[in-house]
Amino acid sequence: MARILMLPGFACQGWIWDDVCRSLEGDYEITVVDWPDRMTAGFAILNDFAGWLAAEYPYELSSCRAMIGHSMGGLISLLMASSGRTAAQKVILVESYLAAPSPFFRNIVAPSCPEEIRLRLQRMLNEELPHFSEALRAELRTANHEALLRKVVIPVAAVYGDRGPADRDAVIENLDWPDWIRAMVQVEMVRNAGHFPMVENSDETASILRRLLAKY
């Protein structure tokens, strides 16, 4: 059974993938990572997370078919792939931003998201934020990570929430990618979702991931 390694984002916990995992687990062996709260305050750059991941999950990295990362987790997946530290045949970014996101993307959930889900996600973020360094937060807000893609030789796909209007063109426009990235990265969109499509619309997210994974 093919193995998938799933990474959460900045100030996020692995449970955000739970519903998607339940949809995929019959066809894939899934490992979900939780960032080490006791250590992350000292992680100032993405490579600190990558180094910890390589030390803690060597078997999974050497045997996985794909890496799927949310937000910062997607950037770390690209970093692992660009440096040859994973055997993955594909990287799937979920709500990952190669440069500072436009205001269009700066929301936790879509307007239609149930209040219960919004509050649960906000509690998670409030709980986790003290465990993450301000230096890293500043890097994610300002740094440009497009260069990572130039070193990746495996296929890359990206999944984004539509923020409510279900307008794929608006999503593409607000990503503001150069033409070479548009040509390289396949983009999929989850309806009625914001920054957490795997929680807000898990069925559609799982369906998209299954389709992307089936190609490799």
C-alpha atoms as a PDB file:
ATOM      1  CA  MET A   1       0.000   0.000   0.000  1.00  0.00           C
ATOM      2  CA  ALA A   2       1.401   3.396  -1.002  1.00  0.00           C
ATOM      3  CA  ARG A   3       2.522   5.640   1.846  1.00  0.00           C
ATOM      4  CA  ILE A   4       1.667   9.323   2.211  1.00  0.00           C
ATOM      5  CA  LEU A   5       3.318  11.753   4.615  1.00  0.00           C
ATOM      6  CA  MET A   6       1.083  14.645   5.705  1.00  0.00           C
ATOM      7  CA  LEU A   7       2.389  17.804   7.361  1.00  0.00           C
ATOM      8  CA  PRO A   8       0.430  20.490   9.233  1.00  0.00           C
ATOM      9  CA  GLY A   9       1.109  24.179   8.889  1.00  0.00           C
ATOM     10  CA  PHE A  10       2.430  26.932  11.128  1.00  0.00           C
ATOM     11  CA  ALA A  11       0.810  26.773  14.584  1.00  0.00           C
ATOM     12  CA  CYS A  12      -1.317  23.820  13.466  1.00  0.00           C
ATOM     13  CA  GLN A  13      -1.831  20.308  14.777  1.00  0.00           C
ATOM     14  CA  GLY A  14      -2.041  17.063  12.869  1.00  0.00           C
ATOM     15  CA  TRP A  15      -5.743  16.543  13.622  1.00  0.00           C
ATOM     16  CA  ILE A  16      -6.641  18.965  10.819  1.00  0.00           C
ATOM     17  CA  TRP A  17      -6.082  16.000   8.472  1.00  0.00           C
ATOM     18  CA  ASP A  18      -8.318  13.561  10.393  1.00  0.00           C
ATOM     19  CA  ASP A  19     -11.388  13.691   8.137  1.00  0.00           C
ATOM     20  CA  VAL A  20      -9.337  13.480   4.958  1.00  0.00           C
ATOM     21  CA  CYS A  21      -7.354  10.564   6.370  1.00  0.00           C
ATOM     22  CA  ARG A  22     -10.540   8.653   7.093  1.00  0.00           C
ATOM     23  CA  SER A  23     -11.505   9.065   3.447  1.00  0.00           C
ATOM     24  CA  LEU A  24      -8.134   7.931   2.101  1.00  0.00           C
ATOM     25  CA  GLU A  25      -6.925   5.351   4.603  1.00  0.00           C
ATOM     26  CA  GLY A  26      -8.414   2.358   2.787  1.00  0.00           C
ATOM     27  CA  ASP A  27      -6.148   3.003  -0.188  1.00  0.00           C
ATOM     28  CA  TYR A  28      -3.083   4.572   1.394  1.00  0.00           C
ATOM     29  CA  GLU A  29      -0.892   4.129   4.437  1.00  0.00           C
ATOM     30  CA  ILE A  30      -0.870   7.601   5.954  1.00  0.00           C
ATOM     31  CA  THR A  31       1.527   9.128   8.460  1.00  0.00           C
ATOM     32  CA  VAL A  32       0.469  12.480   9.905  1.00  0.00           C
ATOM     33  CA  VAL A  33       3.159  14.582  11.549  1.00  0.00           C
ATOM     34  CA  ASP A  34       2.682  16.745  14.636  1.00  0.00           C
ATOM     35  CA  TRP A  35       5.311  19.429  15.155  1.00  0.00           C
ATOM     36  CA  PRO A  36       7.200  19.054  18.490  1.00  0.00           C
ATOM     37  CA  ASP A  37       5.875  21.826  20.752  1.00  0.00           C
ATOM     38  CA  ARG A  38       8.819  21.389  23.120  1.00  0.00           C
ATOM     39  CA  MET A  39      11.213  22.358  20.317  1.00  0.00           C
ATOM     40  CA  THR A  40       9.468  24.590  17.807  1.00  0.00           C
ATOM     41  CA  ALA A  41      10.069  27.848  19.680  1.00  0.00           C
ATOM     42  CA  GLY A  42      13.718  27.363  18.727  1.00  0.00           C
ATOM     43  CA  PHE A  43      12.987  26.725  15.051  1.00  0.00           C
ATOM     44  CA  ALA A  44      13.653  30.052  13.326  1.00  0.00           C
ATOM     45  CA  ILE A  45      13.809  28.895   9.698  1.00  0.00           C
ATOM     46  CA  LEU A  46      12.072  26.269   7.593  1.00  0.00           C
ATOM     47  CA  ASN A  47      15.216  24.153   7.466  1.00  0.00           C
ATOM     48  CA  ASP A  48      14.993  23.674  11.245  1.00  0.00           C
ATOM     49  CA  PHE A  49      11.690  21.864  10.708  1.00  0.00           C
ATOM     50  CA  ALA A  50      13.148  19.951   7.768  1.00  0.00           C
ATOM     51  CA  GLY A  51      16.101  18.782   9.851  1.00  0.00           C
ATOM     52  CA  TRP A  52      13.833  17.579  12.642  1.00  0.00           C
ATOM     53  CA  LEU A  53      11.598  15.809  10.134  1.00  0.00           C
ATOM     54  CA  ALA A  54      14.555  14.030   8.546  1.00  0.00           C
ATOM     55  CA  ALA A  55      15.750  12.841  11.960  1.00  0.00           C
ATOM     56  CA  GLU A  56      12.337  11.718  13.244  1.00  0.00           C
ATOM     57  CA  TYR A  57      10.785  10.220  10.097  1.00  0.00           C
ATOM     58  CA  PRO A  58      13.637   8.720   8.043  1.00  0.00           C
ATOM     59  CA  TYR A  59      11.690   5.590   7.051  1.00  0.00           C
ATOM     60  CA  GLU A  60       8.573   7.495   6.036  1.00  0.00           C
ATOM     61  CA  LEU A  61      10.587   9.992   3.979  1.00  0.00           C
ATOM     62  CA  SER A  62      12.513   7.227   2.230  1.00  0.00           C
ATOM     63  CA  SER A  63       9.406   5.208   1.384  1.00  0.00           C
ATOM     64  CA  CYS A  64       6.547   7.657   0.839  1.00  0.00           C
ATOM     65  CA  ARG A  65       4.816   8.052  -2.498  1.00  0.00           C
ATOM     66  CA  ALA A  66       3.759  11.632  -1.857  1.00  0.00           C
ATOM     67  CA  MET A  67       4.143  14.452   0.629  1.00  0.00           C
ATOM     68  CA  ILE A  68       1.101  16.612   1.320  1.00  0.00           C
ATOM     69  CA  GLY A  69       1.656  19.770   3.320  1.00  0.00           C
ATOM     70  CA  HIS A  70      -0.657  22.463   4.612  1.00  0.00           C
ATOM     71  CA  SER A  71       0.585  26.050   4.417  1.00  0.00           C
ATOM     72  CA  MET A  72       4.107  26.034   5.951  1.00  0.00           C
ATOM     73  CA  GLY A  73       4.021  22.231   5.764  1.00  0.00           C
ATOM     74  CA  GLY A  74       3.808  22.495   1.989  1.00  0.00           C
ATOM     75  CA  LEU A  75       6.909  24.693   1.887  1.00  0.00           C
ATOM     76  CA  ILE A  76       8.740  22.154   4.033  1.00  0.00           C
ATOM     77  CA  SER A  77       7.638  19.407   1.636  1.00  0.00           C
ATOM     78  CA  LEU A  78       9.147  21.422  -1.223  1.00  0.00           C
ATOM     79  CA  LEU A  79      12.318  21.910   0.803  1.00  0.00           C
ATOM     80  CA  MET A  80      12.618  18.158   1.393  1.00  0.00           C
ATOM     81  CA  ALA A  81      12.033  17.431  -2.294  1.00  0.00           C
ATOM     82  CA  SER A  82      14.418  20.134  -3.521  1.00  0.00           C
ATOM     83  CA  SER A  83      17.220  18.829  -1.300  1.00  0.00           C
ATOM     84  CA  GLY A  84      16.717  15.143  -2.082  1.00  0.00           C
ATOM     85  CA  ARG A  85      15.597  14.241   1.432  1.00  0.00           C
ATOM     86  CA  THR A  86      12.448  12.387   0.368  1.00  0.00           C
ATOM     87  CA  ALA A  87      11.629   9.610  -2.067  1.00  0.00           C
ATOM     88  CA  ALA A  88       8.220  11.144  -2.752  1.00  0.00           C
ATOM     89  CA  GLN A  89       7.120  11.106  -6.382  1.00  0.00           C
ATOM     90  CA  LYS A  90       4.842  14.091  -5.902  1.00  0.00           C
ATOM     91  CA  VAL A  91       4.352  17.095  -3.612  1.00  0.00           C
ATOM     92  CA  ILE A  92       0.861  18.446  -3.007  1.00  0.00           C
ATOM     93  CA  LEU A  93       0.616  21.891  -1.463  1.00  0.00           C
ATOM     94  CA  VAL A  94      -2.566  22.744   0.400  1.00  0.00           C
ATOM     95  CA  GLU A  95      -2.971  26.470   1.015  1.00  0.00           C
ATOM     96  CA  SER A  96       0.787  27.074   0.726  1.00  0.00           C
ATOM     97  CA  TYR A  97       2.094  30.457  -0.384  1.00  0.00           C
ATOM     98  CA  LEU A  98       5.405  30.897  -2.156  1.00  0.00           C
ATOM     99  CA  ALA A  99       5.358  34.613  -1.338  1.00  0.00           C
ATOM    100  CA  ALA A 100       3.356  36.782   1.054  1.00  0.00           C
ATOM    101  CA  PRO A 101      -0.340  36.052   0.346  1.00  0.00           C
ATOM    102  CA  SER A 102      -2.584  38.798  -0.941  1.00  0.00           C
ATOM    103  CA  PRO A 103      -5.475  40.039   1.252  1.00  0.00           C
ATOM    104  CA  PHE A 104      -7.747  37.693  -0.721  1.00  0.00           C
ATOM    105  CA  PHE A 105      -6.176  34.748   1.128  1.00  0.00           C
ATOM    106  CA  ARG A 106      -5.795  36.271   4.585  1.00  0.00           C
ATOM    107  CA  ASN A 107      -8.685  34.558   6.305  1.00  0.00           C
ATOM    108  CA  ILE A 108      -8.966  31.490   8.476  1.00  0.00           C
ATOM    109  CA  VAL A 109     -12.173  30.108   7.000  1.00  0.00           C
ATOM    110  CA  ALA A 110     -14.711  30.917   4.294  1.00  0.00           C
ATOM    111  CA  PRO A 111     -17.746  33.047   5.231  1.00  0.00           C
ATOM    112  CA  SER A 112     -20.007  29.986   5.047  1.00  0.00           C
ATOM    113  CA  CYS A 113     -17.954  27.963   7.537  1.00  0.00           C
ATOM    114  CA  PRO A 114     -19.957  26.744  10.562  1.00  0.00           C
ATOM    115  CA  GLU A 115     -19.123  28.620  13.745  1.00  0.00           C
ATOM    116  CA  GLU A 116     -18.195  25.403  15.550  1.00  0.00           C
ATOM    117  CA  ILE A 117     -15.433  24.671  13.050  1.00  0.00           C
ATOM    118  CA  ARG A 118     -14.176  28.250  13.063  1.00  0.00           C
ATOM    119  CA  LEU A 119     -13.946  28.280  16.859  1.00  0.00           C
ATOM    120  CA  ARG A 120     -12.148  24.918  16.957  1.00  0.00           C
ATOM    121  CA  LEU A 121      -9.549  26.131  14.478  1.00  0.00           C
ATOM    122  CA  GLN A 122      -9.107  29.416  16.334  1.00  0.00           C
ATOM    123  CA  ARG A 123      -8.570  27.538  19.618  1.00  0.00           C
ATOM    124  CA  MET A 124      -5.884  25.428  17.957  1.00  0.00           C
ATOM    125  CA  LEU A 125      -4.094  28.488  16.608  1.00  0.00           C
ATOM    126  CA  ASN A 126      -4.275  30.270  19.962  1.00  0.00           C
ATOM    127  CA  GLU A 127      -2.886  27.191  21.698  1.00  0.00           C
ATOM    128  CA  GLU A 128      -0.040  26.639  19.248  1.00  0.00           C
ATOM    129  CA  LEU A 129       1.127  30.183  18.502  1.00  0.00           C
ATOM    130  CA  PRO A 130       3.182  30.540  21.725  1.00  0.00           C
ATOM    131  CA  HIS A 131       5.201  27.483  20.664  1.00  0.00           C
ATOM    132  CA  PHE A 132       6.360  29.029  17.363  1.00  0.00           C
ATOM    133  CA  SER A 133       9.054  31.658  16.953  1.00  0.00           C
ATOM    134  CA  GLU A 134       8.322  35.202  15.865  1.00  0.00           C
ATOM    135  CA  ALA A 135      11.340  35.057  13.540  1.00  0.00           C
ATOM    136  CA  LEU A 136       9.765  32.188  11.641  1.00  0.00           C
ATOM    137  CA  ARG A 137       6.430  33.969  11.527  1.00  0.00           C
ATOM    138  CA  ALA A 138       8.132  37.026  10.038  1.00  0.00           C
ATOM    139  CA  GLU A 139       9.900  34.887   7.435  1.00  0.00           C
ATOM    140  CA  LEU A 140       6.646  33.299   6.325  1.00  0.00           C
ATOM    141  CA  ARG A 141       5.057  36.743   6.002  1.00  0.00           C
ATOM    142  CA  THR A 142       7.814  38.305   3.935  1.00  0.00           C
ATOM    143  CA  ALA A 143      10.127  35.729   2.309  1.00  0.00           C
ATOM    144  CA  ASN A 144       9.820  34.505  -1.270  1.00  0.00           C
ATOM    145  CA  HIS A 145      10.121  30.737  -1.633  1.00  0.00           C
ATOM    146  CA  GLU A 146       9.675  30.478  -5.393  1.00  0.00           C
ATOM    147  CA  ALA A 147      13.308  29.365  -5.768  1.00  0.00           C
ATOM    148  CA  LEU A 148      12.442  26.071  -4.060  1.00  0.00           C
ATOM    149  CA  LEU A 149      10.362  25.087  -7.072  1.00  0.00           C
ATOM    150  CA  ARG A 150      13.290  25.536  -9.449  1.00  0.00           C
ATOM    151  CA  LYS A 151      15.100  22.696  -7.674  1.00  0.00           C
ATOM    152  CA  VAL A 152      12.146  20.284  -7.563  1.00  0.00           C
ATOM    153  CA  VAL A 153      12.198  17.617 -10.271  1.00  0.00           C
ATOM    154  CA  ILE A 154       8.973  15.822  -9.303  1.00  0.00           C
ATOM    155  CA  PRO A 155       5.409  16.967 -10.092  1.00  0.00           C
ATOM    156  CA  VAL A 156       3.889  19.602  -7.819  1.00  0.00           C
ATOM    157  CA  ALA A 157       0.182  20.321  -7.401  1.00  0.00           C
ATOM    158  CA  ALA A 158      -1.534  22.924  -5.245  1.00  0.00           C
ATOM    159  CA  VAL A 159      -4.966  23.036  -3.624  1.00  0.00           C
ATOM    160  CA  TYR A 160      -6.655  26.232  -2.413  1.00  0.00           C
ATOM    161  CA  GLY A 161      -9.969  27.177  -0.877  1.00  0.00           C
ATOM    162  CA  ASP A 162     -12.149  29.388  -3.071  1.00  0.00           C
ATOM    163  CA  ARG A 163     -13.042  31.787  -0.228  1.00  0.00           C
ATOM    164  CA  GLY A 164     -16.731  31.352  -1.041  1.00  0.00           C
ATOM    165  CA  PRO A 165     -17.405  32.619  -4.577  1.00  0.00           C
ATOM    166  CA  ALA A 166     -16.190  29.466  -6.361  1.00  0.00           C
ATOM    167  CA  ASP A 167     -14.209  31.573  -8.844  1.00  0.00           C
ATOM    168  CA  ARG A 168     -11.081  29.704  -9.914  1.00  0.00           C
ATOM    169  CA  ASP A 169      -9.855  32.666 -11.966  1.00  0.00           C
ATOM    170  CA  ALA A 170      -9.858  34.860  -8.849  1.00  0.00           C
ATOM    171  CA  VAL A 171      -7.777  32.297  -6.974  1.00  0.00           C
ATOM    172  CA  ILE A 172      -5.225  32.077  -9.800  1.00  0.00           C
ATOM    173  CA  GLU A 173      -5.075  35.861 -10.185  1.00  0.00           C
ATOM    174  CA  ASN A 174      -4.503  36.468  -6.484  1.00  0.00           C
ATOM    175  CA  LEU A 175      -1.741  33.878  -6.298  1.00  0.00           C
ATOM    176  CA  ASP A 176       0.124  36.228  -8.655  1.00  0.00           C
ATOM    177  CA  TRP A 177       2.497  33.530  -9.836  1.00  0.00           C
ATOM    178  CA  PRO A 178       4.937  34.116 -12.685  1.00  0.00           C
ATOM    179  CA  ASP A 179       4.216  32.229 -15.881  1.00  0.00           C
ATOM    180  CA  TRP A 180       6.818  29.529 -15.242  1.00  0.00           C
ATOM    181  CA  ILE A 181       5.114  28.523 -11.975  1.00  0.00           C
ATOM    182  CA  ARG A 182       1.660  28.584 -13.573  1.00  0.00           C
ATOM    183  CA  ALA A 183       2.971  26.215 -16.210  1.00  0.00           C
ATOM    184  CA  MET A 184       4.609  23.930 -13.659  1.00  0.00           C
ATOM    185  CA  VAL A 185       2.061  23.632 -10.844  1.00  0.00           C
ATOM    186  CA  GLN A 186      -1.385  22.109 -11.286  1.00  0.00           C
ATOM    187  CA  VAL A 187      -3.936  24.102  -9.267  1.00  0.00           C
ATOM    188  CA  GLU A 188      -7.153  22.668  -7.816  1.00  0.00           C
ATOM    189  CA  MET A 189      -9.824  24.523  -5.874  1.00  0.00           C
ATOM    190  CA  VAL A 190     -12.041  23.442  -2.973  1.00  0.00           C
ATOM    191  CA  ARG A 191     -15.455  25.088  -2.865  1.00  0.00           C
ATOM    192  CA  ASN A 192     -16.721  26.924   0.221  1.00  0.00           C
ATOM    193  CA  ALA A 193     -13.387  26.832   1.989  1.00  0.00           C
ATOM    194  CA  GLY A 194     -10.749  29.226   3.257  1.00  0.00           C
ATOM    195  CA  HIS A 195      -7.333  28.409   4.703  1.00  0.00           C
ATOM    196  CA  PHE A 196      -8.417  25.015   6.062  1.00  0.00           C
ATOM    197  CA  PRO A 197     -10.155  23.192   3.189  1.00  0.00           C
ATOM    198  CA  MET A 198      -9.357  19.795   4.714  1.00  0.00           C
ATOM    199  CA  VAL A 199     -11.534  20.762   7.700  1.00  0.00           C
ATOM    200  CA  GLU A 200     -14.119  23.043   6.076  1.00  0.00           C
ATOM    201  CA  ASN A 201     -14.888  20.769   3.129  1.00  0.00           C
ATOM    202  CA  SER A 202     -13.115  17.499   3.818  1.00  0.00           C
ATOM    203  CA  ASP A 203     -15.083  15.407   1.307  1.00  0.00           C
ATOM    204  CA  GLU A 204     -14.157  17.579  -1.651  1.00  0.00           C
ATOM    205  CA  THR A 205     -10.568  17.958  -0.448  1.00  0.00           C
ATOM    206  CA  ALA A 206     -10.217  14.185  -0.135  1.00  0.00           C
ATOM    207  CA  SER A 207     -11.709  13.701  -3.600  1.00  0.00           C
ATOM    208  CA  ILE A 208      -9.221  16.139  -5.117  1.00  0.00           C
ATOM    209  CA  LEU A 209      -6.282  14.552  -3.297  1.00  0.00           C
ATOM    210  CA  ARG A 210      -7.360  11.071  -4.382  1.00  0.00           C
ATOM    211  CA  ARG A 211      -7.472  12.215  -7.995  1.00  0.00           C
ATOM    212  CA  LEU A 212      -4.042  13.874  -7.754  1.00  0.00           C
ATOM    213  CA  LEU A 213      -2.499  10.861  -6.050  1.00  0.00           C
ATOM    214  CA  ALA A 214      -3.926   8.408  -8.563  1.00  0.00           C
ATOM    215  CA  LYS A 215      -1.668   9.837 -11.276  1.00  0.00           C
ATOM    216  CA  TYR A 216       1.533   8.808  -9.517  1.00  0.00           C
END
